[in-house]
């Protein structure tokens, strides 16, 4: 059985494994990205809510690796990693406006 590297928080699912094994170029690229990058791809695939979306993402892993992408585009990042805060928190939370309870009460007066 061919050994394929996992991510840091996610294991290789059988359907993605089958796709990568069938495409030696994509498999080589997969093995040359970092464990964190592999983890982002795995989480992105696992996070699909519908089977159709999951299958489409699995195909995209191979094609986008061959296009030179290291991580899925427009993905906030894996929320399952224990070594970091969520991408939303670390990148954007400090930029959100700060509201107080009185601001919330004032906004209700418009209702």
PDB file of N, CA and C in Angstrom:
ATOM      1  N   UNK A   1       0.844  -1.187   0.000  1.00  0.00           N
ATOM      2  CA  UNK A   1       0.000   0.000   0.000  1.00  0.00           C
ATOM      3  C   UNK A   1       0.885   1.245   0.000  1.00  0.00           C
ATOM      4  N   UNK A   2       0.572   2.199  -0.851  1.00  0.00           N
ATOM      5  CA  UNK A   2       1.328   3.432  -0.957  1.00  0.00           C
ATOM      6  C   UNK A   2       1.093   4.305   0.269  1.00  0.00           C
ATOM      7  N   UNK A   3       2.173   4.810   0.852  1.00  0.00           N
ATOM      8  CA  UNK A   3       2.078   5.692   2.009  1.00  0.00           C
ATOM      9  C   UNK A   3       1.857   7.124   1.528  1.00  0.00           C
ATOM     10  N   UNK A   4       0.856   7.782   2.103  1.00  0.00           N
ATOM     11  CA  UNK A   4       0.556   9.181   1.772  1.00  0.00           C
ATOM     12  C   UNK A   4       0.505   9.959   3.080  1.00  0.00           C
ATOM     13  N   UNK A   5       1.148  11.114   3.079  1.00  0.00           N
ATOM     14  CA  UNK A   5       1.223  11.935   4.286  1.00  0.00           C
ATOM     15  C   UNK A   5      -0.125  12.552   4.639  1.00  0.00           C
ATOM     16  N   UNK A   6      -0.357  12.670   5.946  1.00  0.00           N
ATOM     17  CA  UNK A   6      -1.557  13.304   6.489  1.00  0.00           C
ATOM     18  C   UNK A   6      -1.286  14.776   6.763  1.00  0.00           C
ATOM     19  N   UNK A   7      -2.267  15.442   7.356  1.00  0.00           N
ATOM     20  CA  UNK A   7      -2.091  16.802   7.845  1.00  0.00           C
ATOM     21  C   UNK A   7      -1.746  16.745   9.324  1.00  0.00           C
ATOM     22  N   UNK A   8      -1.813  17.881   9.989  1.00  0.00           N
ATOM     23  CA  UNK A   8      -1.504  17.897  11.420  1.00  0.00           C
ATOM     24  C   UNK A   8      -2.717  17.556  12.285  1.00  0.00           C
ATOM     25  N   UNK A   9      -3.923  17.785  11.787  1.00  0.00           N
ATOM     26  CA  UNK A   9      -5.130  17.483  12.551  1.00  0.00           C
ATOM     27  C   UNK A   9      -6.067  16.527  11.822  1.00  0.00           C
ATOM     28  N   UNK A  10      -5.824  16.312  10.537  1.00  0.00           N
ATOM     29  CA  UNK A  10      -6.709  15.477   9.725  1.00  0.00           C
ATOM     30  C   UNK A  10      -5.939  14.320   9.097  1.00  0.00           C
ATOM     31  N   UNK A  11      -6.593  13.194   9.004  1.00  0.00           N
ATOM     32  CA  UNK A  11      -6.041  12.013   8.341  1.00  0.00           C
ATOM     33  C   UNK A  11      -6.538  11.967   6.898  1.00  0.00           C
ATOM     34  N   UNK A  12      -5.789  11.266   6.067  1.00  0.00           N
ATOM     35  CA  UNK A  12      -6.135  11.132   4.650  1.00  0.00           C
ATOM     36  C   UNK A  12      -7.405  10.290   4.490  1.00  0.00           C
ATOM     37  N   UNK A  13      -8.469  10.849   3.911  1.00  0.00           N
ATOM     38  CA  UNK A  13      -9.683  10.061   3.679  1.00  0.00           C
ATOM     39  C   UNK A  13      -9.486   9.125   2.479  1.00  0.00           C
ATOM     40  N   UNK A  14     -10.148   7.986   2.478  1.00  0.00           N
ATOM     41  CA  UNK A  14      -9.966   7.004   1.400  1.00  0.00           C
ATOM     42  C   UNK A  14     -10.255   7.545  -0.001  1.00  0.00           C
ATOM     43  N   UNK A  15     -11.261   8.399  -0.160  1.00  0.00           N
ATOM     44  CA  UNK A  15     -11.602   8.894  -1.493  1.00  0.00           C
ATOM     45  C   UNK A  15     -10.527   9.830  -2.051  1.00  0.00           C
ATOM     46  N   UNK A  16      -9.965  10.682  -1.226  1.00  0.00           N
ATOM     47  CA  UNK A  16      -8.884  11.552  -1.683  1.00  0.00           C
ATOM     48  C   UNK A  16      -7.615  10.732  -1.914  1.00  0.00           C
ATOM     49  N   UNK A  17      -7.371   9.762  -1.074  1.00  0.00           N
ATOM     50  CA  UNK A  17      -6.215   8.873  -1.238  1.00  0.00           C
ATOM     51  C   UNK A  17      -6.248   8.197  -2.603  1.00  0.00           C
ATOM     52  N   UNK A  18      -7.408   7.677  -2.958  1.00  0.00           N
ATOM     53  CA  UNK A  18      -7.567   6.991  -4.252  1.00  0.00           C
ATOM     54  C   UNK A  18      -7.267   7.947  -5.412  1.00  0.00           C
ATOM     55  N   UNK A  19      -7.762   9.171  -5.316  1.00  0.00           N
ATOM     56  CA  UNK A  19      -7.538  10.162  -6.363  1.00  0.00           C
ATOM     57  C   UNK A  19      -6.054  10.507  -6.488  1.00  0.00           C
ATOM     58  N   UNK A  20      -5.385  10.724  -5.367  1.00  0.00           N
ATOM     59  CA  UNK A  20      -3.967  11.078  -5.412  1.00  0.00           C
ATOM     60  C   UNK A  20      -3.106   9.924  -5.926  1.00  0.00           C
ATOM     61  N   UNK A  21      -3.428   8.702  -5.522  1.00  0.00           N
ATOM     62  CA  UNK A  21      -2.661   7.540  -5.993  1.00  0.00           C
ATOM     63  C   UNK A  21      -2.798   7.382  -7.504  1.00  0.00           C
ATOM     64  N   UNK A  22      -3.952   7.736  -8.040  1.00  0.00           N
ATOM     65  CA  UNK A  22      -4.175   7.587  -9.482  1.00  0.00           C
ATOM     66  C   UNK A  22      -3.505   8.695 -10.303  1.00  0.00           C
ATOM     67  N   UNK A  23      -2.940   9.692  -9.636  1.00  0.00           N
ATOM     68  CA  UNK A  23      -2.304  10.817 -10.326  1.00  0.00           C
ATOM     69  C   UNK A  23      -0.914  11.044  -9.727  1.00  0.00           C
ATOM     70  N   UNK A  24       0.115  10.371 -10.275  1.00  0.00           N
ATOM     71  CA  UNK A  24       1.466  10.453  -9.688  1.00  0.00           C
ATOM     72  C   UNK A  24       2.010  11.876  -9.556  1.00  0.00           C
ATOM     73  N   UNK A  25       1.704  12.749 -10.512  1.00  0.00           N
ATOM     74  CA  UNK A  25       2.191  14.132 -10.419  1.00  0.00           C
ATOM     75  C   UNK A  25       1.568  14.846  -9.221  1.00  0.00           C
ATOM     76  N   UNK A  26       0.256  14.711  -9.069  1.00  0.00           N
ATOM     77  CA  UNK A  26      -0.430  15.336  -7.932  1.00  0.00           C
ATOM     78  C   UNK A  26       0.067  14.746  -6.613  1.00  0.00           C
ATOM     79  N   UNK A  27       0.307  13.437  -6.593  1.00  0.00           N
ATOM     80  CA  UNK A  27       0.802  12.791  -5.377  1.00  0.00           C
ATOM     81  C   UNK A  27       2.185  13.335  -5.008  1.00  0.00           C
ATOM     82  N   UNK A  28       3.051  13.501  -5.991  1.00  0.00           N
ATOM     83  CA  UNK A  28       4.377  14.071  -5.732  1.00  0.00           C
ATOM     84  C   UNK A  28       4.290  15.478  -5.173  1.00  0.00           C
ATOM     85  N   UNK A  29       3.399  16.282  -5.729  1.00  0.00           N
ATOM     86  CA  UNK A  29       3.196  17.645  -5.238  1.00  0.00           C
ATOM     87  C   UNK A  29       2.625  17.628  -3.821  1.00  0.00           C
ATOM     88  N   UNK A  30       1.701  16.708  -3.570  1.00  0.00           N
ATOM     89  CA  UNK A  30       1.112  16.555  -2.239  1.00  0.00           C
ATOM     90  C   UNK A  30       2.209  16.289  -1.203  1.00  0.00           C
ATOM     91  N   UNK A  31       3.113  15.413  -1.527  1.00  0.00           N
ATOM     92  CA  UNK A  31       4.171  15.046  -0.584  1.00  0.00           C
ATOM     93  C   UNK A  31       5.185  16.172  -0.390  1.00  0.00           C
ATOM     94  N   UNK A  32       5.228  17.145  -1.307  1.00  0.00           N
ATOM     95  CA  UNK A  32       6.194  18.238  -1.211  1.00  0.00           C
ATOM     96  C   UNK A  32       5.647  19.497  -0.557  1.00  0.00           C
ATOM     97  N   UNK A  33       4.355  19.513  -0.190  1.00  0.00           N
ATOM     98  CA  UNK A  33       3.842  20.671   0.550  1.00  0.00           C
ATOM     99  C   UNK A  33       3.982  20.391   2.044  1.00  0.00           C
ATOM    100  N   UNK A  34       3.862  21.411   2.829  1.00  0.00           N
ATOM    101  CA  UNK A  34       4.054  21.262   4.278  1.00  0.00           C
ATOM    102  C   UNK A  34       2.889  20.505   4.913  1.00  0.00           C
ATOM    103  N   UNK A  35       3.112  19.918   6.087  1.00  0.00           N
ATOM    104  CA  UNK A  35       2.004  19.266   6.795  1.00  0.00           C
ATOM    105  C   UNK A  35       0.839  20.216   7.068  1.00  0.00           C
ATOM    106  N   UNK A  36       1.135  21.486   7.338  1.00  0.00           N
ATOM    107  CA  UNK A  36       0.056  22.460   7.566  1.00  0.00           C
ATOM    108  C   UNK A  36      -0.741  22.710   6.298  1.00  0.00           C
ATOM    109  N   UNK A  37      -0.056  22.783   5.159  1.00  0.00           N
ATOM    110  CA  UNK A  37      -0.761  22.969   3.888  1.00  0.00           C
ATOM    111  C   UNK A  37      -1.617  21.745   3.572  1.00  0.00           C
ATOM    112  N   UNK A  38      -1.064  20.543   3.783  1.00  0.00           N
ATOM    113  CA  UNK A  38      -1.861  19.321   3.566  1.00  0.00           C
ATOM    114  C   UNK A  38      -3.093  19.336   4.457  1.00  0.00           C
ATOM    115  N   UNK A  39      -2.909  19.780   5.682  1.00  0.00           N
ATOM    116  CA  UNK A  39      -4.028  19.842   6.622  1.00  0.00           C
ATOM    117  C   UNK A  39      -5.137  20.754   6.121  1.00  0.00           C
ATOM    118  N   UNK A  40      -4.777  21.885   5.514  1.00  0.00           N
ATOM    119  CA  UNK A  40      -5.783  22.809   4.985  1.00  0.00           C
ATOM    120  C   UNK A  40      -6.595  22.138   3.873  1.00  0.00           C
ATOM    121  N   UNK A  41      -5.908  21.437   2.965  1.00  0.00           N
ATOM    122  CA  UNK A  41      -6.624  20.713   1.899  1.00  0.00           C
ATOM    123  C   UNK A  41      -7.557  19.663   2.503  1.00  0.00           C
ATOM    124  N   UNK A  42      -7.050  18.905   3.469  1.00  0.00           N
ATOM    125  CA  UNK A  42      -7.862  17.836   4.068  1.00  0.00           C
ATOM    126  C   UNK A  42      -9.092  18.399   4.770  1.00  0.00           C
ATOM    127  N   UNK A  43      -8.911  19.467   5.524  1.00  0.00           N
ATOM    128  CA  UNK A  43     -10.039  20.072   6.230  1.00  0.00           C
ATOM    129  C   UNK A  43     -11.056  20.618   5.233  1.00  0.00           C
ATOM    130  N   UNK A  44     -10.570  21.228   4.161  1.00  0.00           N
ATOM    131  CA  UNK A  44     -11.445  21.780   3.123  1.00  0.00           C
ATOM    132  C   UNK A  44     -12.296  20.676   2.503  1.00  0.00           C
ATOM    133  N   UNK A  45     -11.685  19.541   2.202  1.00  0.00           N
ATOM    134  CA  UNK A  45     -12.432  18.402   1.639  1.00  0.00           C
ATOM    135  C   UNK A  45     -13.424  17.861   2.668  1.00  0.00           C
ATOM    136  N   UNK A  46     -12.958  17.661   3.888  1.00  0.00           N
ATOM    137  CA  UNK A  46     -13.810  17.092   4.942  1.00  0.00           C
ATOM    138  C   UNK A  46     -14.962  18.017   5.325  1.00  0.00           C
ATOM    139  N   UNK A  47     -14.800  19.313   5.128  1.00  0.00           N
ATOM    140  CA  UNK A  47     -15.804  20.276   5.535  1.00  0.00           C
ATOM    141  C   UNK A  47     -16.976  20.392   4.559  1.00  0.00           C
ATOM    142  N   UNK A  48     -16.899  19.739   3.419  1.00  0.00           N
ATOM    143  CA  UNK A  48     -18.000  19.792   2.446  1.00  0.00           C
ATOM    144  C   UNK A  48     -19.259  19.183   3.066  1.00  0.00           C
ATOM    145  N   UNK A  49     -20.368  19.842   2.887  1.00  0.00           N
ATOM    146  CA  UNK A  49     -21.624  19.367   3.476  1.00  0.00           C
ATOM    147  C   UNK A  49     -22.356  18.370   2.576  1.00  0.00           C
ATOM    148  N   UNK A  50     -22.127  18.458   1.279  1.00  0.00           N
ATOM    149  CA  UNK A  50     -22.797  17.556   0.343  1.00  0.00           C
ATOM    150  C   UNK A  50     -21.761  16.705  -0.383  1.00  0.00           C
ATOM    151  N   UNK A  51     -22.152  15.492  -0.725  1.00  0.00           N
ATOM    152  CA  UNK A  51     -21.251  14.576  -1.419  1.00  0.00           C
ATOM    153  C   UNK A  51     -20.779  15.159  -2.749  1.00  0.00           C
ATOM    154  N   UNK A  52     -21.658  15.828  -3.454  1.00  0.00           N
ATOM    155  CA  UNK A  52     -21.294  16.441  -4.734  1.00  0.00           C
ATOM    156  C   UNK A  52     -20.185  17.480  -4.545  1.00  0.00           C
ATOM    157  N   UNK A  53     -20.314  18.292  -3.505  1.00  0.00           N
ATOM    158  CA  UNK A  53     -19.293  19.298  -3.213  1.00  0.00           C
ATOM    159  C   UNK A  53     -17.981  18.624  -2.836  1.00  0.00           C
ATOM    160  N   UNK A  54     -18.051  17.600  -2.021  1.00  0.00           N
ATOM    161  CA  UNK A  54     -16.848  16.872  -1.612  1.00  0.00           C
ATOM    162  C   UNK A  54     -16.132  16.288  -2.831  1.00  0.00           C
ATOM    163  N   UNK A  55     -16.865  15.644  -3.715  1.00  0.00           N
ATOM    164  CA  UNK A  55     -16.261  15.051  -4.912  1.00  0.00           C
ATOM    165  C   UNK A  55     -15.620  16.116  -5.797  1.00  0.00           C
ATOM    166  N   UNK A  56     -16.276  17.253  -5.914  1.00  0.00           N
ATOM    167  CA  UNK A  56     -15.721  18.351  -6.709  1.00  0.00           C
ATOM    168  C   UNK A  56     -14.430  18.867  -6.070  1.00  0.00           C
ATOM    169  N   UNK A  57     -14.423  18.975  -4.755  1.00  0.00           N
ATOM    170  CA  UNK A  57     -13.222  19.444  -4.061  1.00  0.00           C
ATOM    171  C   UNK A  57     -12.074  18.445  -4.192  1.00  0.00           C
ATOM    172  N   UNK A  58     -12.380  17.174  -4.142  1.00  0.00           N
ATOM    173  CA  UNK A  58     -11.335  16.164  -4.296  1.00  0.00           C
ATOM    174  C   UNK A  58     -10.675  16.292  -5.664  1.00  0.00           C
ATOM    175  N   UNK A  59     -11.468  16.487  -6.703  1.00  0.00           N
ATOM    176  CA  UNK A  59     -10.896  16.689  -8.042  1.00  0.00           C
ATOM    177  C   UNK A  59     -10.052  17.961  -8.081  1.00  0.00           C
ATOM    178  N   UNK A  60     -10.514  18.993  -7.398  1.00  0.00           N
ATOM    179  CA  UNK A  60      -9.785  20.260  -7.394  1.00  0.00           C
ATOM    180  C   UNK A  60      -8.449  20.160  -6.674  1.00  0.00           C
ATOM    181  N   UNK A  61      -8.357  19.298  -5.665  1.00  0.00           N
ATOM    182  CA  UNK A  61      -7.074  19.143  -4.970  1.00  0.00           C
ATOM    183  C   UNK A  61      -5.994  18.795  -5.988  1.00  0.00           C
ATOM    184  N   UNK A  62      -6.238  17.770  -6.803  1.00  0.00           N
ATOM    185  CA  UNK A  62      -5.243  17.350  -7.798  1.00  0.00           C
ATOM    186  C   UNK A  62      -4.966  18.459  -8.813  1.00  0.00           C
ATOM    187  N   UNK A  63      -6.012  19.034  -9.377  1.00  0.00           N
ATOM    188  CA  UNK A  63      -5.806  20.030 -10.434  1.00  0.00           C
ATOM    189  C   UNK A  63      -5.139  21.292  -9.890  1.00  0.00           C
ATOM    190  N   UNK A  64      -5.529  21.736  -8.711  1.00  0.00           N
ATOM    191  CA  UNK A  64      -4.965  22.969  -8.176  1.00  0.00           C
ATOM    192  C   UNK A  64      -3.537  22.783  -7.678  1.00  0.00           C
ATOM    193  N   UNK A  65      -3.209  21.598  -7.170  1.00  0.00           N
ATOM    194  CA  UNK A  65      -1.810  21.329  -6.834  1.00  0.00           C
ATOM    195  C   UNK A  65      -0.953  21.425  -8.091  1.00  0.00           C
ATOM    196  N   UNK A  66      -1.452  20.870  -9.199  1.00  0.00           N
ATOM    197  CA  UNK A  66      -0.697  20.903 -10.453  1.00  0.00           C
ATOM    198  C   UNK A  66      -0.622  22.311 -11.040  1.00  0.00           C
ATOM    199  N   UNK A  67      -1.532  23.185 -10.646  1.00  0.00           N
ATOM    200  CA  UNK A  67      -1.483  24.587 -11.069  1.00  0.00           C
ATOM    201  C   UNK A  67      -0.543  25.409 -10.187  1.00  0.00           C
ATOM    202  N   UNK A  68      -0.007  24.782  -9.151  1.00  0.00           N
ATOM    203  CA  UNK A  68       0.944  25.462  -8.272  1.00  0.00           C
ATOM    204  C   UNK A  68       0.380  25.976  -6.967  1.00  0.00           C
ATOM    205  N   UNK A  69      -0.887  25.712  -6.711  1.00  0.00           N
ATOM    206  CA  UNK A  69      -1.484  26.172  -5.460  1.00  0.00           C
ATOM    207  C   UNK A  69      -1.015  25.293  -4.305  1.00  0.00           C
ATOM    208  N   UNK A  70      -0.710  25.924  -3.197  1.00  0.00           N
ATOM    209  CA  UNK A  70      -0.247  25.197  -2.007  1.00  0.00           C
ATOM    210  C   UNK A  70      -1.379  24.942  -1.012  1.00  0.00           C
ATOM    211  N   UNK A  71      -2.420  25.752  -1.080  1.00  0.00           N
ATOM    212  CA  UNK A  71      -3.563  25.647  -0.161  1.00  0.00           C
ATOM    213  C   UNK A  71      -4.834  25.990  -0.929  1.00  0.00           C
ATOM    214  N   UNK A  72      -5.992  25.570  -0.409  1.00  0.00           N
ATOM    215  CA  UNK A  72      -7.241  25.914  -1.100  1.00  0.00           C
ATOM    216  C   UNK A  72      -7.487  27.423  -1.073  1.00  0.00           C
ATOM    217  N   UNK A  73      -7.956  27.936  -2.183  1.00  0.00           N
ATOM    218  CA  UNK A  73      -8.239  29.359  -2.308  1.00  0.00           C
ATOM    219  C   UNK A  73      -9.461  29.742  -1.465  1.00  0.00           C
ATOM    220  N   UNK A  74      -9.389  30.899  -0.863  1.00  0.00           N
ATOM    221  CA  UNK A  74     -10.530  31.498  -0.145  1.00  0.00           C
ATOM    222  C   UNK A  74     -11.005  30.636   1.022  1.00  0.00           C
ATOM    223  N   UNK A  75     -10.108  29.945   1.654  1.00  0.00           N
ATOM    224  CA  UNK A  75     -10.426  29.080   2.799  1.00  0.00           C
ATOM    225  C   UNK A  75      -9.887  29.757   4.040  1.00  0.00           C
ATOM    226  N   UNK A  76     -10.750  30.004   5.028  1.00  0.00           N
ATOM    227  CA  UNK A  76     -10.318  30.680   6.253  1.00  0.00           C
ATOM    228  C   UNK A  76      -9.307  29.869   7.048  1.00  0.00           C
ATOM    229  N   UNK A  77      -9.298  28.586   6.839  1.00  0.00           N
ATOM    230  CA  UNK A  77      -8.336  27.745   7.540  1.00  0.00           C
ATOM    231  C   UNK A  77      -9.012  26.747   8.450  1.00  0.00           C
ATOM    232  N   UNK A  78      -8.249  25.749   8.797  1.00  0.00           N
ATOM    233  CA  UNK A  78      -8.747  24.655   9.624  1.00  0.00           C
ATOM    234  C   UNK A  78      -9.034  25.122  11.046  1.00  0.00           C
ATOM    235  N   UNK A  79     -10.234  24.873  11.498  1.00  0.00           N
ATOM    236  CA  UNK A  79     -10.602  25.228  12.875  1.00  0.00           C
ATOM    237  C   UNK A  79     -10.302  24.089  13.847  1.00  0.00           C
ATOM    238  N   UNK A  80      -9.822  22.966  13.337  1.00  0.00           N
ATOM    239  CA  UNK A  80      -9.582  21.786  14.163  1.00  0.00           C
ATOM    240  C   UNK A  80      -8.181  21.733  14.754  1.00  0.00           C
ATOM    241  N   UNK A  81      -7.292  22.588  14.279  1.00  0.00           N
ATOM    242  CA  UNK A  81      -5.927  22.592  14.803  1.00  0.00           C
ATOM    243  C   UNK A  81      -5.930  23.117  16.224  1.00  0.00           C
ATOM    244  N   UNK A  82      -5.190  22.454  17.081  1.00  0.00           N
ATOM    245  CA  UNK A  82      -5.120  22.853  18.490  1.00  0.00           C
ATOM    246  C   UNK A  82      -4.047  23.908  18.736  1.00  0.00           C
ATOM    247  N   UNK A  83      -3.168  24.139  17.749  1.00  0.00           N
ATOM    248  CA  UNK A  83      -2.036  25.032  17.945  1.00  0.00           C
ATOM    249  C   UNK A  83      -2.291  26.460  17.482  1.00  0.00           C
ATOM    250  N   UNK A  84      -3.516  26.804  17.087  1.00  0.00           N
ATOM    251  CA  UNK A  84      -3.789  28.167  16.642  1.00  0.00           C
ATOM    252  C   UNK A  84      -5.230  28.533  16.903  1.00  0.00           C
ATOM    253  N   UNK A  85      -5.475  29.826  16.954  1.00  0.00           N
ATOM    254  CA  UNK A  85      -6.840  30.327  17.008  1.00  0.00           C
ATOM    255  C   UNK A  85      -7.415  30.213  15.615  1.00  0.00           C
ATOM    256  N   UNK A  86      -8.719  30.315  15.501  1.00  0.00           N
ATOM    257  CA  UNK A  86      -9.325  30.239  14.177  1.00  0.00           C
ATOM    258  C   UNK A  86      -8.823  31.392  13.314  1.00  0.00           C
ATOM    259  N   UNK A  87      -8.831  31.185  12.012  1.00  0.00           N
ATOM    260  CA  UNK A  87      -8.357  32.207  11.084  1.00  0.00           C
ATOM    261  C   UNK A  87      -9.165  33.490  11.225  1.00  0.00           C
ATOM    262  N   UNK A  88     -10.464  33.361  11.438  1.00  0.00           N
ATOM    263  CA  UNK A  88     -11.294  34.551  11.596  1.00  0.00           C
ATOM    264  C   UNK A  88     -10.813  35.353  12.801  1.00  0.00           C
ATOM    265  N   UNK A  89     -10.562  34.661  13.892  1.00  0.00           N
ATOM    266  CA  UNK A  89     -10.138  35.352  15.104  1.00  0.00           C
ATOM    267  C   UNK A  89      -8.794  36.026  14.900  1.00  0.00           C
ATOM    268  N   UNK A  90      -7.842  35.299  14.420  1.00  0.00           N
ATOM    269  CA  UNK A  90      -6.492  35.837  14.349  1.00  0.00           C
ATOM    270  C   UNK A  90      -6.329  36.893  13.271  1.00  0.00           C
ATOM    271  N   UNK A  91      -7.089  36.856  12.215  1.00  0.00           N
ATOM    272  CA  UNK A  91      -6.918  37.813  11.127  1.00  0.00           C
ATOM    273  C   UNK A  91      -7.878  38.981  11.195  1.00  0.00           C
ATOM    274  N   UNK A  92      -9.071  38.762  11.728  1.00  0.00           N
ATOM    275  CA  UNK A  92     -10.118  39.767  11.551  1.00  0.00           C
ATOM    276  C   UNK A  92     -10.766  40.269  12.835  1.00  0.00           C
ATOM    277  N   UNK A  93     -10.743  39.501  13.885  1.00  0.00           N
ATOM    278  CA  UNK A  93     -11.486  39.871  15.074  1.00  0.00           C
ATOM    279  C   UNK A  93     -11.021  41.202  15.644  1.00  0.00           C
ATOM    280  N   UNK A  94      -9.705  41.441  15.616  1.00  0.00           N
ATOM    281  CA  UNK A  94      -9.205  42.689  16.164  1.00  0.00           C
ATOM    282  C   UNK A  94      -9.576  43.894  15.302  1.00  0.00           C
ATOM    283  N   UNK A  95     -10.031  43.663  14.075  1.00  0.00           N
ATOM    284  CA  UNK A  95     -10.413  44.761  13.177  1.00  0.00           C
ATOM    285  C   UNK A  95     -11.911  45.064  13.221  1.00  0.00           C
ATOM    286  N   UNK A  96     -12.679  44.197  13.878  1.00  0.00           N
ATOM    287  CA  UNK A  96     -14.120  44.434  13.967  1.00  0.00           C
ATOM    288  C   UNK A  96     -14.408  45.594  14.907  1.00  0.00           C
ATOM    289  N   UNK A  97     -15.446  46.366  14.628  1.00  0.00           N
ATOM    290  CA  UNK A  97     -15.774  47.477  15.520  1.00  0.00           C
ATOM    291  C   UNK A  97     -16.178  46.951  16.899  1.00  0.00           C
ATOM    292  N   UNK A  98     -15.828  47.715  17.904  1.00  0.00           N
ATOM    293  CA  UNK A  98     -16.160  47.342  19.281  1.00  0.00           C
ATOM    294  C   UNK A  98     -17.498  47.981  19.644  1.00  0.00           C
ATOM    295  N   UNK A  99     -18.417  47.182  20.135  1.00  0.00           N
ATOM    296  CA  UNK A  99     -19.726  47.670  20.530  1.00  0.00           C
ATOM    297  C   UNK A  99     -19.931  47.419  22.014  1.00  0.00           C
ATOM    298  N   UNK A 100     -20.616  48.336  22.623  1.00  0.00           N
ATOM    299  CA  UNK A 100     -20.955  48.175  24.035  1.00  0.00           C
ATOM    300  C   UNK A 100     -22.432  47.808  24.150  1.00  0.00           C
ATOM    301  N   UNK A 101     -22.852  47.490  25.340  1.00  0.00           N
ATOM    302  CA  UNK A 101     -24.251  47.174  25.580  1.00  0.00           C
ATOM    303  C   UNK A 101     -25.134  48.377  25.239  1.00  0.00           C
ATOM    304  N   UNK A 102     -24.685  49.581  25.548  1.00  0.00           N
ATOM    305  CA  UNK A 102     -25.500  50.769  25.237  1.00  0.00           C
ATOM    306  C   UNK A 102     -25.649  50.949  23.728  1.00  0.00           C
ATOM    307  N   UNK A 103     -24.621  50.586  22.944  1.00  0.00           N
ATOM    308  CA  UNK A 103     -24.754  50.646  21.486  1.00  0.00           C
ATOM    309  C   UNK A 103     -25.853  49.701  21.014  1.00  0.00           C
ATOM    310  N   UNK A 104     -25.913  48.523  21.611  1.00  0.00           N
ATOM    311  CA  UNK A 104     -26.931  47.536  21.222  1.00  0.00           C
ATOM    312  C   UNK A 104     -28.312  48.037  21.583  1.00  0.00           C
ATOM    313  N   UNK A 105     -28.452  48.645  22.746  1.00  0.00           N
ATOM    314  CA  UNK A 105     -29.746  49.169  23.170  1.00  0.00           C
ATOM    315  C   UNK A 105     -30.164  50.328  22.266  1.00  0.00           C
ATOM    316  N   UNK A 106     -29.216  51.191  21.904  1.00  0.00           N
ATOM    317  CA  UNK A 106     -29.513  52.300  20.998  1.00  0.00           C
ATOM    318  C   UNK A 106     -29.979  51.792  19.639  1.00  0.00           C
ATOM    319  N   UNK A 107     -29.379  50.720  19.158  1.00  0.00           N
ATOM    320  CA  UNK A 107     -29.776  50.205  17.845  1.00  0.00           C
ATOM    321  C   UNK A 107     -31.184  49.612  17.882  1.00  0.00           C
ATOM    322  N   UNK A 108     -31.628  49.159  19.049  1.00  0.00           N
ATOM    323  CA  UNK A 108     -32.988  48.640  19.167  1.00  0.00           C
ATOM    324  C   UNK A 108     -34.036  49.746  19.084  1.00  0.00           C
ATOM    325  N   UNK A 109     -33.651  50.962  19.389  1.00  0.00           N
ATOM    326  CA  UNK A 109     -34.613  52.069  19.354  1.00  0.00           C
ATOM    327  C   UNK A 109     -35.108  52.354  17.931  1.00  0.00           C
ATOM    328  N   UNK A 110     -34.374  51.878  16.922  1.00  0.00           N
ATOM    329  CA  UNK A 110     -34.800  52.069  15.546  1.00  0.00           C
ATOM    330  C   UNK A 110     -35.902  51.100  15.147  1.00  0.00           C
ATOM    331  N   UNK A 111     -36.107  50.075  15.924  1.00  0.00           N
ATOM    332  CA  UNK A 111     -37.138  49.086  15.604  1.00  0.00           C
ATOM    333  C   UNK A 111     -38.467  49.591  15.929  1.00  0.00           C
TER     334      UNK A 111
END
